[in-house]
Amino acid sequence: MRNLKCSIQYDGSRYRGWQRLSTTDKTIQGKIEAVLSQMTGEHVQLIGASRTDAGAHALKQIANFKTKSLLSCDEMLRYCSRYLPEDIVVKEIAVTDPQFHARYNARSKT
């Protein structure tokens, strides 16, 4: 299983924050997880470095997820670009260390 690190940029104006909520699909994590799950055919759990409040924006939110998918990182980027709303952009996807965890390995938050 590969561990993939993502750099994400978003305008949170239309969303209830980063964290997935059971009561709404209007979260950044929820939107990205839905696209990644559709793309891989797996249940994907996206781990963010930090949560943001409703309406907050991010220039470089780091997140990671694990997958068995053999799609290349470039193919995944193109898929995300095509299916995510225009106010959520996955800027980069790269294979990272199997032990990397976006929240536990964060060096700083601004």
C-alpha atoms as a PDB file:
ATOM      1  CA  MET A   1       0.000   0.000   0.000  1.00  0.00           C
ATOM      2  CA  ARG A   2       1.351   3.428  -0.953  1.00  0.00           C
ATOM      3  CA  ASN A   3       1.221   6.469   1.308  1.00  0.00           C
ATOM      4  CA  LEU A   4       0.630   9.633  -0.715  1.00  0.00           C
ATOM      5  CA  LYS A   5       1.256  13.188   0.455  1.00  0.00           C
ATOM      6  CA  CYS A   6      -0.875  15.987  -0.979  1.00  0.00           C
ATOM      7  CA  SER A   7      -0.589  19.749  -1.015  1.00  0.00           C
ATOM      8  CA  ILE A   8      -4.047  21.321  -1.148  1.00  0.00           C
ATOM      9  CA  GLN A   9      -5.237  24.877  -1.765  1.00  0.00           C
ATOM     10  CA  TYR A  10      -8.822  25.967  -1.197  1.00  0.00           C
ATOM     11  CA  ASP A  11     -11.241  28.813  -0.771  1.00  0.00           C
ATOM     12  CA  GLY A  12     -13.374  27.710   2.154  1.00  0.00           C
ATOM     13  CA  SER A  13     -16.143  30.289   1.671  1.00  0.00           C
ATOM     14  CA  ARG A  14     -18.738  27.651   0.710  1.00  0.00           C
ATOM     15  CA  TYR A  15     -17.645  25.003   3.202  1.00  0.00           C
ATOM     16  CA  ARG A  16     -18.202  24.098   6.848  1.00  0.00           C
ATOM     17  CA  GLY A  17     -14.463  23.682   7.449  1.00  0.00           C
ATOM     18  CA  TRP A  18     -11.894  20.996   6.790  1.00  0.00           C
ATOM     19  CA  GLN A  19     -13.181  18.078   8.863  1.00  0.00           C
ATOM     20  CA  ARG A  20     -15.644  15.573   7.405  1.00  0.00           C
ATOM     21  CA  LEU A  21     -19.060  15.813   9.107  1.00  0.00           C
ATOM     22  CA  SER A  22     -21.818  13.209   9.099  1.00  0.00           C
ATOM     23  CA  THR A  23     -24.473  15.925   8.764  1.00  0.00           C
ATOM     24  CA  THR A  24     -23.231  17.560   5.545  1.00  0.00           C
ATOM     25  CA  ASP A  25     -21.104  16.965   2.479  1.00  0.00           C
ATOM     26  CA  LYS A  26     -19.956  20.606   2.514  1.00  0.00           C
ATOM     27  CA  THR A  27     -16.466  19.999   3.961  1.00  0.00           C
ATOM     28  CA  ILE A  28     -13.086  20.108   2.262  1.00  0.00           C
ATOM     29  CA  GLN A  29     -12.044  16.678   3.570  1.00  0.00           C
ATOM     30  CA  GLY A  30     -15.380  15.170   2.546  1.00  0.00           C
ATOM     31  CA  LYS A  31     -15.215  16.536  -1.003  1.00  0.00           C
ATOM     32  CA  ILE A  32     -11.646  15.332  -1.556  1.00  0.00           C
ATOM     33  CA  GLU A  33     -12.275  11.919   0.024  1.00  0.00           C
ATOM     34  CA  ALA A  34     -15.285  11.390  -2.235  1.00  0.00           C
ATOM     35  CA  VAL A  35     -13.215  12.092  -5.357  1.00  0.00           C
ATOM     36  CA  LEU A  36     -10.250   9.997  -4.185  1.00  0.00           C
ATOM     37  CA  SER A  37     -12.551   7.096  -3.284  1.00  0.00           C
ATOM     38  CA  GLN A  38     -14.257   7.276  -6.683  1.00  0.00           C
ATOM     39  CA  MET A  39     -10.874   7.423  -8.408  1.00  0.00           C
ATOM     40  CA  THR A  40      -9.310   4.465  -6.547  1.00  0.00           C
ATOM     41  CA  GLY A  41     -12.398   2.320  -6.008  1.00  0.00           C
ATOM     42  CA  GLU A  42     -11.414   2.165  -2.327  1.00  0.00           C
ATOM     43  CA  HIS A  43     -12.643   3.831   0.844  1.00  0.00           C
ATOM     44  CA  VAL A  44     -10.051   6.608   1.213  1.00  0.00           C
ATOM     45  CA  GLN A  45      -9.417   8.369   4.513  1.00  0.00           C
ATOM     46  CA  LEU A  46      -7.623  11.680   4.039  1.00  0.00           C
ATOM     47  CA  ILE A  47      -5.571  12.882   7.020  1.00  0.00           C
ATOM     48  CA  GLY A  48      -5.034  16.636   7.189  1.00  0.00           C
ATOM     49  CA  ALA A  49      -2.216  18.423   9.000  1.00  0.00           C
ATOM     50  CA  SER A  50      -4.783  20.650  10.662  1.00  0.00           C
ATOM     51  CA  ARG A  51      -8.463  21.462  10.698  1.00  0.00           C
ATOM     52  CA  THR A  52      -9.871  24.779   9.557  1.00  0.00           C
ATOM     53  CA  ASP A  53     -13.078  26.494  10.589  1.00  0.00           C
ATOM     54  CA  ALA A  54     -16.028  27.224   8.344  1.00  0.00           C
ATOM     55  CA  GLY A  55     -15.127  29.817   5.721  1.00  0.00           C
ATOM     56  CA  ALA A  56     -11.349  29.517   6.253  1.00  0.00           C
ATOM     57  CA  HIS A  57      -8.978  29.258   3.294  1.00  0.00           C
ATOM     58  CA  ALA A  58      -5.707  27.388   2.806  1.00  0.00           C
ATOM     59  CA  LEU A  59      -2.756  27.956   0.507  1.00  0.00           C
ATOM     60  CA  LYS A  60      -0.837  24.787   1.366  1.00  0.00           C
ATOM     61  CA  GLN A  61      -2.751  22.351   3.546  1.00  0.00           C
ATOM     62  CA  ILE A  62      -0.777  19.108   3.715  1.00  0.00           C
ATOM     63  CA  ALA A  63      -2.642  15.823   3.856  1.00  0.00           C
ATOM     64  CA  ASN A  64      -1.945  12.160   3.244  1.00  0.00           C
ATOM     65  CA  PHE A  65      -3.841   9.025   2.327  1.00  0.00           C
ATOM     66  CA  LYS A  66      -3.045   5.380   1.738  1.00  0.00           C
ATOM     67  CA  THR A  67      -4.081   3.466  -1.346  1.00  0.00           C
ATOM     68  CA  LYS A  68      -3.478   0.264  -3.279  1.00  0.00           C
ATOM     69  CA  SER A  69      -4.157   2.127  -6.533  1.00  0.00           C
ATOM     70  CA  LEU A  70      -1.481   1.834  -9.200  1.00  0.00           C
ATOM     71  CA  LEU A  71      -2.404   5.149 -10.844  1.00  0.00           C
ATOM     72  CA  SER A  72       0.551   7.504 -11.164  1.00  0.00           C
ATOM     73  CA  CYS A  73       0.638  10.681  -9.104  1.00  0.00           C
ATOM     74  CA  ASP A  74       0.194  12.702 -12.305  1.00  0.00           C
ATOM     75  CA  GLU A  75      -2.896  10.672 -13.252  1.00  0.00           C
ATOM     76  CA  MET A  76      -4.315  11.288  -9.774  1.00  0.00           C
ATOM     77  CA  LEU A  77      -3.659  15.029 -10.042  1.00  0.00           C
ATOM     78  CA  ARG A  78      -5.450  15.197 -13.374  1.00  0.00           C
ATOM     79  CA  TYR A  79      -8.395  13.237 -11.972  1.00  0.00           C
ATOM     80  CA  CYS A  80      -8.669  15.545  -8.945  1.00  0.00           C
ATOM     81  CA  SER A  81      -8.452  18.595 -11.180  1.00  0.00           C
ATOM     82  CA  ARG A  82     -11.281  17.278 -13.313  1.00  0.00           C
ATOM     83  CA  TYR A  83     -13.681  16.189 -10.557  1.00  0.00           C
ATOM     84  CA  LEU A  84     -13.088  18.503  -7.590  1.00  0.00           C
ATOM     85  CA  PRO A  85     -14.993  21.797  -7.386  1.00  0.00           C
ATOM     86  CA  GLU A  86     -12.997  24.728  -8.755  1.00  0.00           C
ATOM     87  CA  ASP A  87     -12.485  26.183  -5.257  1.00  0.00           C
ATOM     88  CA  ILE A  88     -10.526  23.087  -4.104  1.00  0.00           C
ATOM     89  CA  VAL A  89      -7.222  22.350  -5.842  1.00  0.00           C
ATOM     90  CA  VAL A  90      -4.842  19.493  -5.145  1.00  0.00           C
ATOM     91  CA  LYS A  91      -1.567  21.154  -6.142  1.00  0.00           C
ATOM     92  CA  GLU A  92       0.739  18.175  -5.663  1.00  0.00           C
ATOM     93  CA  ILE A  93       0.609  14.439  -4.954  1.00  0.00           C
ATOM     94  CA  ALA A  94       3.776  12.494  -4.174  1.00  0.00           C
ATOM     95  CA  VAL A  95       4.669   9.109  -2.756  1.00  0.00           C
ATOM     96  CA  THR A  96       5.993   9.546   0.770  1.00  0.00           C
ATOM     97  CA  ASP A  97       7.411   7.436   3.575  1.00  0.00           C
ATOM     98  CA  PRO A  98       4.970   4.717   4.717  1.00  0.00           C
ATOM     99  CA  GLN A  99       5.130   6.162   8.259  1.00  0.00           C
ATOM    100  CA  PHE A 100       4.401   9.776   7.252  1.00  0.00           C
ATOM    101  CA  HIS A 101       1.332  11.238   8.978  1.00  0.00           C
ATOM    102  CA  ALA A 102       0.285  14.769   7.993  1.00  0.00           C
ATOM    103  CA  ARG A 103      -0.857  15.765  11.473  1.00  0.00           C
ATOM    104  CA  TYR A 104       1.859  14.092  13.578  1.00  0.00           C
ATOM    105  CA  ASN A 105       4.725  15.098  11.263  1.00  0.00           C
ATOM    106  CA  ALA A 106       3.695  18.750  10.781  1.00  0.00           C
ATOM    107  CA  ARG A 107       6.621  21.119  11.384  1.00  0.00           C
ATOM    108  CA  SER A 108       4.622  24.332  11.561  1.00  0.00           C
ATOM    109  CA  LYS A 109       1.181  25.798  11.008  1.00  0.00           C
ATOM    110  CA  THR A 110       0.333  29.338  10.008  1.00  0.00           C
END
